[in-house]
C-alpha cells in the first residue's frame, strides 16, 4: 500500500512538471504536450498535480474544459488516496 501511495505522489509531481514544461514550450512556440495527454494524465490519479500545475504555472486556466475537469480529477485523486489510507 505504501509503495502505491508513493507512486501516486511521484506521478502527481510528474503531472505538475508536465504543465510547467508545456507552459514553457508555449512561451517559446515549440512542440507542446497535447491537451488530451494533459487531461488523461490528470484523470489517471494525477489530478492534484494538474490542479497545482494550472495554478502555479497559470497554464490552461482559461480553458473551460480544464477549469471543470481538473478540479474534479483532483477531488477524485484525493478521495481515492483517502480511501486507501483509511
Protein backbone atom coordinates (compact mmCIF):
# COMPACT_ATOMS: atom_id res chain seq x y z
CA UNK A 1 0.00 0.00 0.00
CA UNK A 2 2.82 2.37 0.91
CA UNK A 3 4.51 1.87 -2.46
CA UNK A 4 1.27 2.70 -4.25
CA UNK A 5 0.91 5.94 -2.29
CA UNK A 6 4.50 6.93 -3.14
CA UNK A 7 3.83 6.09 -6.77
CA UNK A 8 0.76 8.34 -6.82
CA UNK A 9 2.77 11.15 -5.18
CA UNK A 10 5.57 10.85 -7.76
CA UNK A 11 3.02 10.69 -10.58
CA UNK A 12 1.42 13.93 -9.36
CA UNK A 13 4.84 15.58 -9.32
CA UNK A 14 5.41 14.42 -12.91
CA UNK A 15 2.00 15.76 -13.99
CA UNK A 16 2.74 19.06 -12.23
CA UNK A 17 6.02 19.31 -14.15
CA UNK A 18 4.24 18.42 -17.41
CA UNK A 19 2.09 21.54 -17.03
CA UNK A 20 5.20 23.63 -16.39
CA UNK A 21 7.03 22.19 -19.39
CA UNK A 22 4.02 22.74 -21.63
CA UNK A 23 3.75 26.34 -20.41
CA UNK A 24 7.43 26.99 -21.20
CA UNK A 25 7.07 25.36 -24.60
CA UNK A 26 4.04 27.54 -25.33
CA UNK A 27 6.04 30.66 -24.49
CA UNK A 28 8.88 29.53 -26.79
CA UNK A 29 6.49 28.47 -29.59
CA UNK A 30 7.95 24.96 -29.58
CA UNK A 31 6.41 21.47 -29.50
CA UNK A 32 3.62 21.07 -26.98
CA UNK A 33 2.11 18.36 -24.85
CA UNK A 34 -1.35 17.72 -26.23
CA UNK A 35 -4.40 18.75 -24.22
CA UNK A 36 -5.60 15.17 -24.45
CA UNK A 37 -2.39 13.95 -22.79
CA UNK A 38 -2.64 16.57 -20.04
CA UNK A 39 -6.25 15.63 -19.30
CA UNK A 40 -5.62 11.87 -19.36
CA UNK A 41 -2.62 12.32 -17.06
CA UNK A 42 -4.82 14.20 -14.61
CA UNK A 43 -7.57 11.59 -14.81
CA UNK A 44 -5.12 8.77 -14.09
CA UNK A 45 -4.71 9.89 -10.45
CA UNK A 46 -2.68 12.98 -11.35
CA UNK A 47 -5.44 15.45 -10.58
CA UNK A 48 -3.71 17.14 -7.67
CA UNK A 49 -0.53 17.72 -9.68
CA UNK A 50 -2.57 19.05 -12.59
CA UNK A 51 -4.57 21.34 -10.32
CA UNK A 52 -1.46 22.88 -8.78
CA UNK A 53 0.23 22.96 -12.17
CA UNK A 54 -2.63 25.03 -13.54
CA UNK A 55 -2.50 27.41 -10.59
CA UNK A 56 1.25 27.82 -10.14
CA UNK A 57 2.20 27.89 -13.83
CA UNK A 58 -1.00 29.77 -14.75
CA UNK A 59 -1.49 27.32 -17.58
CA UNK A 60 -4.78 26.27 -19.20
CA UNK A 61 -6.68 28.45 -16.73
CA UNK A 62 -8.88 29.98 -19.44
CA UNK A 63 -9.92 26.66 -21.00
CA UNK A 64 -13.41 25.77 -19.81
CA UNK A 65 -12.80 22.02 -20.11
CA UNK A 66 -9.74 22.26 -17.88
CA UNK A 67 -11.48 24.58 -15.41
CA UNK A 68 -14.21 21.98 -14.93
CA UNK A 69 -12.41 18.64 -15.22
CA UNK A 70 -9.14 19.27 -13.38
CA UNK A 71 -10.77 20.14 -10.02
CA UNK A 72 -12.98 17.05 -10.40
CA UNK A 73 -9.93 14.88 -11.12
CA UNK A 74 -8.15 16.40 -8.11
CA UNK A 75 -11.10 15.56 -5.87
CA UNK A 76 -11.20 12.04 -7.31
CA UNK A 77 -7.50 11.59 -6.58
CA UNK A 78 -7.84 12.90 -3.02
CA UNK A 79 -10.87 10.70 -2.29
CA UNK A 80 -9.17 7.58 -3.64
CA UNK A 81 -5.99 8.24 -1.66
CA UNK A 82 -8.03 8.96 1.47
CA UNK A 83 -9.92 5.69 0.96
CA UNK A 84 -6.63 3.80 0.59
CA UNK A 85 -5.18 5.32 3.78
CA UNK A 86 -8.36 4.85 5.80
